[in-house]
Amino acid sequence: MTKPFVMRDGLGKEIKKPFFIKGVNFLTGKLMTIEQFRIHVKEGNLNDGDGFGYLGMIDKESNVYIMPSDMEDGNVFPKWATHVIWYDK
């Protein structure tokens, strides 16, 4: 069953309209497509204890927080969200 993804910031506060930061910090974050993220989660390579991520695009990072457990809920992500920027703990 699918459902719309509720956009939240890193503190859990619901976001109505995300903001974007141009560029991705490749020194600390790993850029991957939503599908790559989904596969890593499905294969058990990433879980909520490993770190956190933000939805984004190939050249922008948003303030929309994502955890691996969000992939298990059948969430439908915003159309603009093509990538995840993942930060290991």
PDB file of N, CA and C in Angstrom:
ATOM      1  N   MET A   1       0.836  -1.176   0.000  1.00  0.00           N
ATOM      2  CA  MET A   1       0.000   0.000   0.000  1.00  0.00           C
ATOM      3  C   MET A   1       0.886   1.247   0.000  1.00  0.00           C
ATOM      4  N   THR A   2       0.587   2.178  -0.885  1.00  0.00           N
ATOM      5  CA  THR A   2       1.381   3.399  -0.963  1.00  0.00           C
ATOM      6  C   THR A   2       0.662   4.558  -0.281  1.00  0.00           C
ATOM      7  N   LYS A   3       1.477   5.510   0.147  1.00  0.00           N
ATOM      8  CA  LYS A   3       0.926   6.710   0.779  1.00  0.00           C
ATOM      9  C   LYS A   3       1.899   7.856   0.549  1.00  0.00           C
ATOM     10  N   PRO A   4       1.395   9.094   0.566  1.00  0.00           N
ATOM     11  CA  PRO A   4       2.297  10.236   0.387  1.00  0.00           C
ATOM     12  C   PRO A   4       3.301  10.310   1.535  1.00  0.00           C
ATOM     13  N   PHE A   5       4.504  10.667   1.212  1.00  0.00           N
ATOM     14  CA  PHE A   5       5.562  10.849   2.196  1.00  0.00           C
ATOM     15  C   PHE A   5       5.341  12.160   2.927  1.00  0.00           C
ATOM     16  N   VAL A   6       5.323  12.125   4.254  1.00  0.00           N
ATOM     17  CA  VAL A   6       5.197  13.344   5.056  1.00  0.00           C
ATOM     18  C   VAL A   6       6.597  13.938   5.208  1.00  0.00           C
ATOM     19  N   MET A   7       6.787  15.124   4.653  1.00  0.00           N
ATOM     20  CA  MET A   7       8.097  15.757   4.712  1.00  0.00           C
ATOM     21  C   MET A   7       8.329  16.315   6.109  1.00  0.00           C
ATOM     22  N   ARG A   8       9.480  15.948   6.704  1.00  0.00           N
ATOM     23  CA  ARG A   8       9.851  16.410   8.043  1.00  0.00           C
ATOM     24  C   ARG A   8      11.316  16.835   8.032  1.00  0.00           C
ATOM     25  N   ASP A   9      11.640  17.747   8.945  1.00  0.00           N
ATOM     26  CA  ASP A   9      13.035  18.133   9.095  1.00  0.00           C
ATOM     27  C   ASP A   9      13.720  17.169  10.067  1.00  0.00           C
ATOM     28  N   GLY A  10      14.976  17.421  10.361  1.00  0.00           N
ATOM     29  CA  GLY A  10      15.741  16.536  11.235  1.00  0.00           C
ATOM     30  C   GLY A  10      15.246  16.481  12.671  1.00  0.00           C
ATOM     31  N   LEU A  11      14.386  17.419  13.059  1.00  0.00           N
ATOM     32  CA  LEU A  11      13.820  17.423  14.409  1.00  0.00           C
ATOM     33  C   LEU A  11      12.426  16.810  14.444  1.00  0.00           C
ATOM     34  N   GLY A  12      11.940  16.370  13.283  1.00  0.00           N
ATOM     35  CA  GLY A  12      10.631  15.740  13.216  1.00  0.00           C
ATOM     36  C   GLY A  12       9.483  16.693  12.932  1.00  0.00           C
ATOM     37  N   LYS A  13       9.782  17.965  12.727  1.00  0.00           N
ATOM     38  CA  LYS A  13       8.752  18.956  12.444  1.00  0.00           C
ATOM     39  C   LYS A  13       8.316  18.851  10.985  1.00  0.00           C
ATOM     40  N   GLU A  14       7.006  18.825  10.764  1.00  0.00           N
ATOM     41  CA  GLU A  14       6.482  18.708   9.401  1.00  0.00           C
ATOM     42  C   GLU A  14       6.842  19.942   8.579  1.00  0.00           C
ATOM     43  N   ILE A  15       7.215  19.705   7.326  1.00  0.00           N
ATOM     44  CA  ILE A  15       7.614  20.759   6.397  1.00  0.00           C
ATOM     45  C   ILE A  15       6.570  20.827   5.290  1.00  0.00           C
ATOM     46  N   LYS A  16       6.054  21.997   5.046  1.00  0.00           N
ATOM     47  CA  LYS A  16       5.095  22.176   3.943  1.00  0.00           C
ATOM     48  C   LYS A  16       5.811  22.434   2.624  1.00  0.00           C
ATOM     49  N   LYS A  17       6.866  23.253   2.687  1.00  0.00           N
ATOM     50  CA  LYS A  17       7.621  23.600   1.488  1.00  0.00           C
ATOM     51  C   LYS A  17       9.108  23.496   1.810  1.00  0.00           C
ATOM     52  N   PRO A  18       9.818  22.593   1.149  1.00  0.00           N
ATOM     53  CA  PRO A  18      11.244  22.431   1.455  1.00  0.00           C
ATOM     54  C   PRO A  18      12.075  23.586   0.914  1.00  0.00           C
ATOM     55  N   PHE A  19      13.264  23.753   1.500  1.00  0.00           N
ATOM     56  CA  PHE A  19      14.221  24.664   0.890  1.00  0.00           C
ATOM     57  C   PHE A  19      15.407  23.825   0.429  1.00  0.00           C
ATOM     58  N   PHE A  20      16.176  24.390  -0.491  1.00  0.00           N
ATOM     59  CA  PHE A  20      17.277  23.653  -1.108  1.00  0.00           C
ATOM     60  C   PHE A  20      18.586  24.408  -0.970  1.00  0.00           C
ATOM     61  N   ILE A  21      19.640  23.648  -0.807  1.00  0.00           N
ATOM     62  CA  ILE A  21      20.998  24.167  -0.771  1.00  0.00           C
ATOM     63  C   ILE A  21      21.661  23.686  -2.045  1.00  0.00           C
ATOM     64  N   LYS A  22      22.180  24.613  -2.837  1.00  0.00           N
ATOM     65  CA  LYS A  22      22.826  24.221  -4.085  1.00  0.00           C
ATOM     66  C   LYS A  22      24.146  23.532  -3.783  1.00  0.00           C
ATOM     67  N   GLY A  23      24.365  22.429  -4.431  1.00  0.00           N
ATOM     68  CA  GLY A  23      25.568  21.651  -4.220  1.00  0.00           C
ATOM     69  C   GLY A  23      25.361  20.601  -3.153  1.00  0.00           C
ATOM     70  N   VAL A  24      26.216  19.626  -3.171  1.00  0.00           N
ATOM     71  CA  VAL A  24      26.177  18.532  -2.205  1.00  0.00           C
ATOM     72  C   VAL A  24      27.558  18.425  -1.582  1.00  0.00           C
ATOM     73  N   ASN A  25      27.629  18.283  -0.265  1.00  0.00           N
ATOM     74  CA  ASN A  25      28.901  18.171   0.425  1.00  0.00           C
ATOM     75  C   ASN A  25      29.408  16.731   0.304  1.00  0.00           C
ATOM     76  N   PHE A  26      30.229  16.483  -0.707  1.00  0.00           N
ATOM     77  CA  PHE A  26      30.720  15.129  -0.952  1.00  0.00           C
ATOM     78  C   PHE A  26      31.793  14.696   0.040  1.00  0.00           C
ATOM     79  N   LEU A  27      32.304  15.627   0.857  1.00  0.00           N
ATOM     80  CA  LEU A  27      33.288  15.251   1.865  1.00  0.00           C
ATOM     81  C   LEU A  27      32.633  14.486   3.014  1.00  0.00           C
ATOM     82  N   THR A  28      31.384  14.793   3.293  1.00  0.00           N
ATOM     83  CA  THR A  28      30.708  14.131   4.418  1.00  0.00           C
ATOM     84  C   THR A  28      29.484  13.327   3.998  1.00  0.00           C
ATOM     85  N   GLY A  29      28.869  13.651   2.858  1.00  0.00           N
ATOM     86  CA  GLY A  29      27.660  12.960   2.423  1.00  0.00           C
ATOM     87  C   GLY A  29      27.892  12.116   1.189  1.00  0.00           C
ATOM     88  N   LYS A  30      27.096  11.055   1.073  1.00  0.00           N
ATOM     89  CA  LYS A  30      27.168  10.180  -0.100  1.00  0.00           C
ATOM     90  C   LYS A  30      25.895  10.368  -0.906  1.00  0.00           C
ATOM     91  N   LEU A  31      26.039  10.729  -2.176  1.00  0.00           N
ATOM     92  CA  LEU A  31      24.906  10.936  -3.062  1.00  0.00           C
ATOM     93  C   LEU A  31      24.530   9.621  -3.723  1.00  0.00           C
ATOM     94  N   MET A  32      23.234   9.284  -3.656  1.00  0.00           N
ATOM     95  CA  MET A  32      22.738   8.092  -4.350  1.00  0.00           C
ATOM     96  C   MET A  32      21.323   8.361  -4.838  1.00  0.00           C
ATOM     97  N   THR A  33      20.909   7.644  -5.863  1.00  0.00           N
ATOM     98  CA  THR A  33      19.543   7.810  -6.347  1.00  0.00           C
ATOM     99  C   THR A  33      18.585   7.202  -5.326  1.00  0.00           C
ATOM    100  N   ILE A  34      17.322   7.576  -5.431  1.00  0.00           N
ATOM    101  CA  ILE A  34      16.297   6.989  -4.554  1.00  0.00           C
ATOM    102  C   ILE A  34      16.301   5.470  -4.718  1.00  0.00           C
ATOM    103  N   GLU A  35      16.443   5.008  -5.960  1.00  0.00           N
ATOM    104  CA  GLU A  35      16.428   3.558  -6.201  1.00  0.00           C
ATOM    105  C   GLU A  35      17.641   2.875  -5.566  1.00  0.00           C
ATOM    106  N   GLN A  36      18.820   3.484  -5.652  1.00  0.00           N
ATOM    107  CA  GLN A  36      20.004   2.920  -4.995  1.00  0.00           C
ATOM    108  C   GLN A  36      19.793   2.870  -3.482  1.00  0.00           C
ATOM    109  N   PHE A  37      19.229   3.923  -2.923  1.00  0.00           N
ATOM    110  CA  PHE A  37      18.938   3.962  -1.493  1.00  0.00           C
ATOM    111  C   PHE A  37      17.973   2.838  -1.122  1.00  0.00           C
ATOM    112  N   ARG A  38      16.932   2.680  -1.919  1.00  0.00           N
ATOM    113  CA  ARG A  38      15.937   1.626  -1.690  1.00  0.00           C
ATOM    114  C   ARG A  38      16.600   0.242  -1.688  1.00  0.00           C
ATOM    115  N   ILE A  39      17.499   0.011  -2.630  1.00  0.00           N
ATOM    116  CA  ILE A  39      18.195  -1.283  -2.723  1.00  0.00           C
ATOM    117  C   ILE A  39      19.089  -1.499  -1.503  1.00  0.00           C
ATOM    118  N   HIS A  40      19.852  -0.475  -1.099  1.00  0.00           N
ATOM    119  CA  HIS A  40      20.715  -0.599   0.087  1.00  0.00           C
ATOM    120  C   HIS A  40      19.898  -0.958   1.323  1.00  0.00           C
ATOM    121  N   VAL A  41      18.726  -0.331   1.461  1.00  0.00           N
ATOM    122  CA  VAL A  41      17.864  -0.610   2.610  1.00  0.00           C
ATOM    123  C   VAL A  41      17.317  -2.034   2.520  1.00  0.00           C
ATOM    124  N   LYS A  42      16.829  -2.408   1.350  1.00  0.00           N
ATOM    125  CA  LYS A  42      16.245  -3.743   1.168  1.00  0.00           C
ATOM    126  C   LYS A  42      17.263  -4.851   1.441  1.00  0.00           C
ATOM    127  N   GLU A  43      18.503  -4.619   1.038  1.00  0.00           N
ATOM    128  CA  GLU A  43      19.559  -5.622   1.233  1.00  0.00           C
ATOM    129  C   GLU A  43      20.137  -5.592   2.645  1.00  0.00           C
ATOM    130  N   GLY A  44      19.684  -4.660   3.476  1.00  0.00           N
ATOM    131  CA  GLY A  44      20.155  -4.582   4.852  1.00  0.00           C
ATOM    132  C   GLY A  44      21.456  -3.830   5.031  1.00  0.00           C
ATOM    133  N   ASN A  45      21.905  -3.131   3.995  1.00  0.00           N
ATOM    134  CA  ASN A  45      23.158  -2.382   4.080  1.00  0.00           C
ATOM    135  C   ASN A  45      23.022  -1.080   4.856  1.00  0.00           C
ATOM    136  N   LEU A  46      21.801  -0.550   4.941  1.00  0.00           N
ATOM    137  CA  LEU A  46      21.537   0.680   5.687  1.00  0.00           C
ATOM    138  C   LEU A  46      20.345   0.461   6.598  1.00  0.00           C
ATOM    139  N   ASN A  47      20.469   0.932   7.838  1.00  0.00           N
ATOM    140  CA  ASN A  47      19.329   0.921   8.756  1.00  0.00           C
ATOM    141  C   ASN A  47      19.346   2.222   9.556  1.00  0.00           C
ATOM    142  N   ASP A  48      18.309   2.449  10.320  1.00  0.00           N
ATOM    143  CA  ASP A  48      18.179   3.719  11.038  1.00  0.00           C
ATOM    144  C   ASP A  48      19.343   3.998  11.992  1.00  0.00           C
ATOM    145  N   GLY A  49      20.025   2.983  12.449  1.00  0.00           N
ATOM    146  CA  GLY A  49      21.152   3.171  13.352  1.00  0.00           C
ATOM    147  C   GLY A  49      22.444   3.570  12.660  1.00  0.00           C
ATOM    148  N   ASP A  50      22.462   3.502  11.324  1.00  0.00           N
ATOM    149  CA  ASP A  50      23.685   3.785  10.573  1.00  0.00           C
ATOM    150  C   ASP A  50      23.928   5.263  10.314  1.00  0.00           C
ATOM    151  N   GLY A  51      22.873   6.054  10.306  1.00  0.00           N
ATOM    152  CA  GLY A  51      23.011   7.462   9.978  1.00  0.00           C
ATOM    153  C   GLY A  51      21.674   8.036   9.580  1.00  0.00           C
ATOM    154  N   PHE A  52      21.712   9.037   8.684  1.00  0.00           N
ATOM    155  CA  PHE A  52      20.495   9.707   8.236  1.00  0.00           C
ATOM    156  C   PHE A  52      20.744  10.300   6.865  1.00  0.00           C
ATOM    157  N   GLY A  53      19.673  10.715   6.219  1.00  0.00           N
ATOM    158  CA  GLY A  53      19.807  11.313   4.909  1.00  0.00           C
ATOM    159  C   GLY A  53      18.845  12.466   4.707  1.00  0.00           C
ATOM    160  N   TYR A  54      19.056  13.159   3.590  1.00  0.00           N
ATOM    161  CA  TYR A  54      18.164  14.226   3.160  1.00  0.00           C
ATOM    162  C   TYR A  54      17.802  13.977   1.705  1.00  0.00           C
ATOM    163  N   LEU A  55      16.547  14.207   1.364  1.00  0.00           N
ATOM    164  CA  LEU A  55      16.141  14.101  -0.029  1.00  0.00           C
ATOM    165  C   LEU A  55      16.762  15.237  -0.812  1.00  0.00           C
ATOM    166  N   GLY A  56      17.002  14.996  -2.091  1.00  0.00           N
ATOM    167  CA  GLY A  56      17.578  16.032  -2.925  1.00  0.00           C
ATOM    168  C   GLY A  56      17.508  15.686  -4.387  1.00  0.00           C
ATOM    169  N   MET A  57      18.331  16.390  -5.133  1.00  0.00           N
ATOM    170  CA  MET A  57      18.497  16.171  -6.563  1.00  0.00           C
ATOM    171  C   MET A  57      19.991  16.010  -6.802  1.00  0.00           C
ATOM    172  N   ILE A  58      20.370  15.777  -8.017  1.00  0.00           N
ATOM    173  CA  ILE A  58      21.782  15.505  -8.286  1.00  0.00           C
ATOM    174  C   ILE A  58      22.683  16.673  -7.879  1.00  0.00           C
ATOM    175  N   ASP A  59      22.152  17.892  -7.868  1.00  0.00           N
ATOM    176  CA  ASP A  59      22.972  19.060  -7.563  1.00  0.00           C
ATOM    177  C   ASP A  59      22.446  19.908  -6.401  1.00  0.00           C
ATOM    178  N   LYS A  60      21.433  19.407  -5.683  1.00  0.00           N
ATOM    179  CA  LYS A  60      20.850  20.170  -4.576  1.00  0.00           C
ATOM    180  C   LYS A  60      20.463  19.239  -3.444  1.00  0.00           C
ATOM    181  N   GLU A  61      20.586  19.762  -2.243  1.00  0.00           N
ATOM    182  CA  GLU A  61      20.167  19.032  -1.042  1.00  0.00           C
ATOM    183  C   GLU A  61      19.032  19.802  -0.383  1.00  0.00           C
ATOM    184  N   SER A  62      17.994  19.090   0.046  1.00  0.00           N
ATOM    185  CA  SER A  62      16.874  19.751   0.715  1.00  0.00           C
ATOM    186  C   SER A  62      17.011  19.618   2.225  1.00  0.00           C
ATOM    187  N   ASN A  63      16.053  20.183   2.925  1.00  0.00           N
ATOM    188  CA  ASN A  63      15.988  20.039   4.376  1.00  0.00           C
ATOM    189  C   ASN A  63      15.006  18.935   4.777  1.00  0.00           C
ATOM    190  N   VAL A  64      14.643  18.069   3.822  1.00  0.00           N
ATOM    191  CA  VAL A  64      13.697  16.978   4.090  1.00  0.00           C
ATOM    192  C   VAL A  64      14.481  15.732   4.513  1.00  0.00           C
ATOM    193  N   TYR A  65      14.294  15.365   5.748  1.00  0.00           N
ATOM    194  CA  TYR A  65      14.996  14.269   6.419  1.00  0.00           C
ATOM    195  C   TYR A  65      14.420  12.924   5.978  1.00  0.00           C
ATOM    196  N   ILE A  66      15.293  11.932   5.794  1.00  0.00           N
ATOM    197  CA  ILE A  66      14.832  10.595   5.437  1.00  0.00           C
ATOM    198  C   ILE A  66      15.651   9.559   6.194  1.00  0.00           C
ATOM    199  N   MET A  67      14.975   8.528   6.635  1.00  0.00           N
ATOM    200  CA  MET A  67      15.611   7.409   7.318  1.00  0.00           C
ATOM    201  C   MET A  67      15.330   6.137   6.521  1.00  0.00           C
ATOM    202  N   PRO A  68      16.167   5.119   6.650  1.00  0.00           N
ATOM    203  CA  PRO A  68      15.896   3.866   5.953  1.00  0.00           C
ATOM    204  C   PRO A  68      14.503   3.296   6.227  1.00  0.00           C
ATOM    205  N   SER A  69      14.003   3.455   7.436  1.00  0.00           N
ATOM    206  CA  SER A  69      12.670   2.921   7.746  1.00  0.00           C
ATOM    207  C   SER A  69      11.578   3.597   6.925  1.00  0.00           C
ATOM    208  N   ASP A  70      11.826   4.785   6.391  1.00  0.00           N
ATOM    209  CA  ASP A  70      10.846   5.438   5.520  1.00  0.00           C
ATOM    210  C   ASP A  70      10.634   4.666   4.226  1.00  0.00           C
ATOM    211  N   MET A  71      11.616   3.880   3.826  1.00  0.00           N
ATOM    212  CA  MET A  71      11.500   3.105   2.588  1.00  0.00           C
ATOM    213  C   MET A  71      10.591   1.898   2.764  1.00  0.00           C
ATOM    214  N   GLU A  72      10.406   1.462   3.971  1.00  0.00           N
ATOM    215  CA  GLU A  72       9.625   0.260   4.235  1.00  0.00           C
ATOM    216  C   GLU A  72       8.132   0.545   4.357  1.00  0.00           C
ATOM    217  N   ASP A  73       7.767   1.799   4.377  1.00  0.00           N
ATOM    218  CA  ASP A  73       6.377   2.166   4.618  1.00  0.00           C
ATOM    219  C   ASP A  73       5.550   2.348   3.356  1.00  0.00           C
ATOM    220  N   GLY A  74       6.099   2.083   2.185  1.00  0.00           N
ATOM    221  CA  GLY A  74       5.374   2.278   0.941  1.00  0.00           C
ATOM    222  C   GLY A  74       5.166   3.737   0.602  1.00  0.00           C
ATOM    223  N   ASN A  75       6.047   4.600   1.104  1.00  0.00           N
ATOM    224  CA  ASN A  75       5.913   6.031   0.876  1.00  0.00           C
ATOM    225  C   ASN A  75       6.151   6.393  -0.585  1.00  0.00           C
ATOM    226  N   VAL A  76       5.380   7.354  -1.068  1.00  0.00           N
ATOM    227  CA  VAL A  76       5.581   7.929  -2.390  1.00  0.00           C
ATOM    228  C   VAL A  76       6.238   9.284  -2.163  1.00  0.00           C
ATOM    229  N   PHE A  77       7.452   9.437  -2.664  1.00  0.00           N
ATOM    230  CA  PHE A  77       8.242  10.631  -2.421  1.00  0.00           C
ATOM    231  C   PHE A  77       7.877  11.750  -3.393  1.00  0.00           C
ATOM    232  N   PRO A  78       8.172  12.997  -3.026  1.00  0.00           N
ATOM    233  CA  PRO A  78       7.878  14.122  -3.933  1.00  0.00           C
ATOM    234  C   PRO A  78       8.573  13.914  -5.281  1.00  0.00           C
ATOM    235  N   LYS A  79       7.950  14.391  -6.331  1.00  0.00           N
ATOM    236  CA  LYS A  79       8.508  14.188  -7.685  1.00  0.00           C
ATOM    237  C   LYS A  79       9.883  14.802  -7.849  1.00  0.00           C
ATOM    238  N   TRP A  80      10.163  15.889  -7.137  1.00  0.00           N
ATOM    239  CA  TRP A  80      11.469  16.534  -7.262  1.00  0.00           C
ATOM    240  C   TRP A  80      12.582  15.711  -6.627  1.00  0.00           C
ATOM    241  N   ALA A  81      12.238  14.791  -5.733  1.00  0.00           N
ATOM    242  CA  ALA A  81      13.244  14.011  -4.985  1.00  0.00           C
ATOM    243  C   ALA A  81      13.748  12.852  -5.835  1.00  0.00           C
ATOM    244  N   THR A  82      14.911  13.044  -6.425  1.00  0.00           N
ATOM    245  CA  THR A  82      15.509  12.001  -7.257  1.00  0.00           C
ATOM    246  C   THR A  82      16.678  11.312  -6.570  1.00  0.00           C
ATOM    247  N   HIS A  83      17.203  11.940  -5.515  1.00  0.00           N
ATOM    248  CA  HIS A  83      18.392  11.433  -4.843  1.00  0.00           C
ATOM    249  C   HIS A  83      18.260  11.531  -3.324  1.00  0.00           C
ATOM    250  N   VAL A  84      19.146  10.804  -2.658  1.00  0.00           N
ATOM    251  CA  VAL A  84      19.304  10.884  -1.207  1.00  0.00           C
ATOM    252  C   VAL A  84      20.765  11.237  -0.950  1.00  0.00           C
ATOM    253  N   ILE A  85      20.991  12.182  -0.055  1.00  0.00           N
ATOM    254  CA  ILE A  85      22.346  12.483   0.411  1.00  0.00           C
ATOM    255  C   ILE A  85      22.435  11.850   1.789  1.00  0.00           C
ATOM    256  N   TRP A  86      23.265  10.822   1.908  1.00  0.00           N
ATOM    257  CA  TRP A  86      23.341  10.001   3.111  1.00  0.00           C
ATOM    258  C   TRP A  86      24.557  10.410   3.948  1.00  0.00           C
ATOM    259  N   TYR A  87      24.346  10.514   5.258  1.00  0.00           N
ATOM    260  CA  TYR A  87      25.417  10.856   6.199  1.00  0.00           C
ATOM    261  C   TYR A  87      25.557   9.737   7.211  1.00  0.00           C
ATOM    262  N   ASP A  88      26.694   9.059   7.176  1.00  0.00           N
ATOM    263  CA  ASP A  88      26.972   8.014   8.165  1.00  0.00           C
ATOM    264  C   ASP A  88      27.197   8.642   9.533  1.00  0.00           C
ATOM    265  N   LYS A  89      26.873   7.868  10.572  1.00  0.00           N
ATOM    266  CA  LYS A  89      27.148   8.337  11.947  1.00  0.00           C
ATOM    267  C   LYS A  89      28.624   8.281  12.208  1.00  0.00           C
TER     268      LYS A  89
END
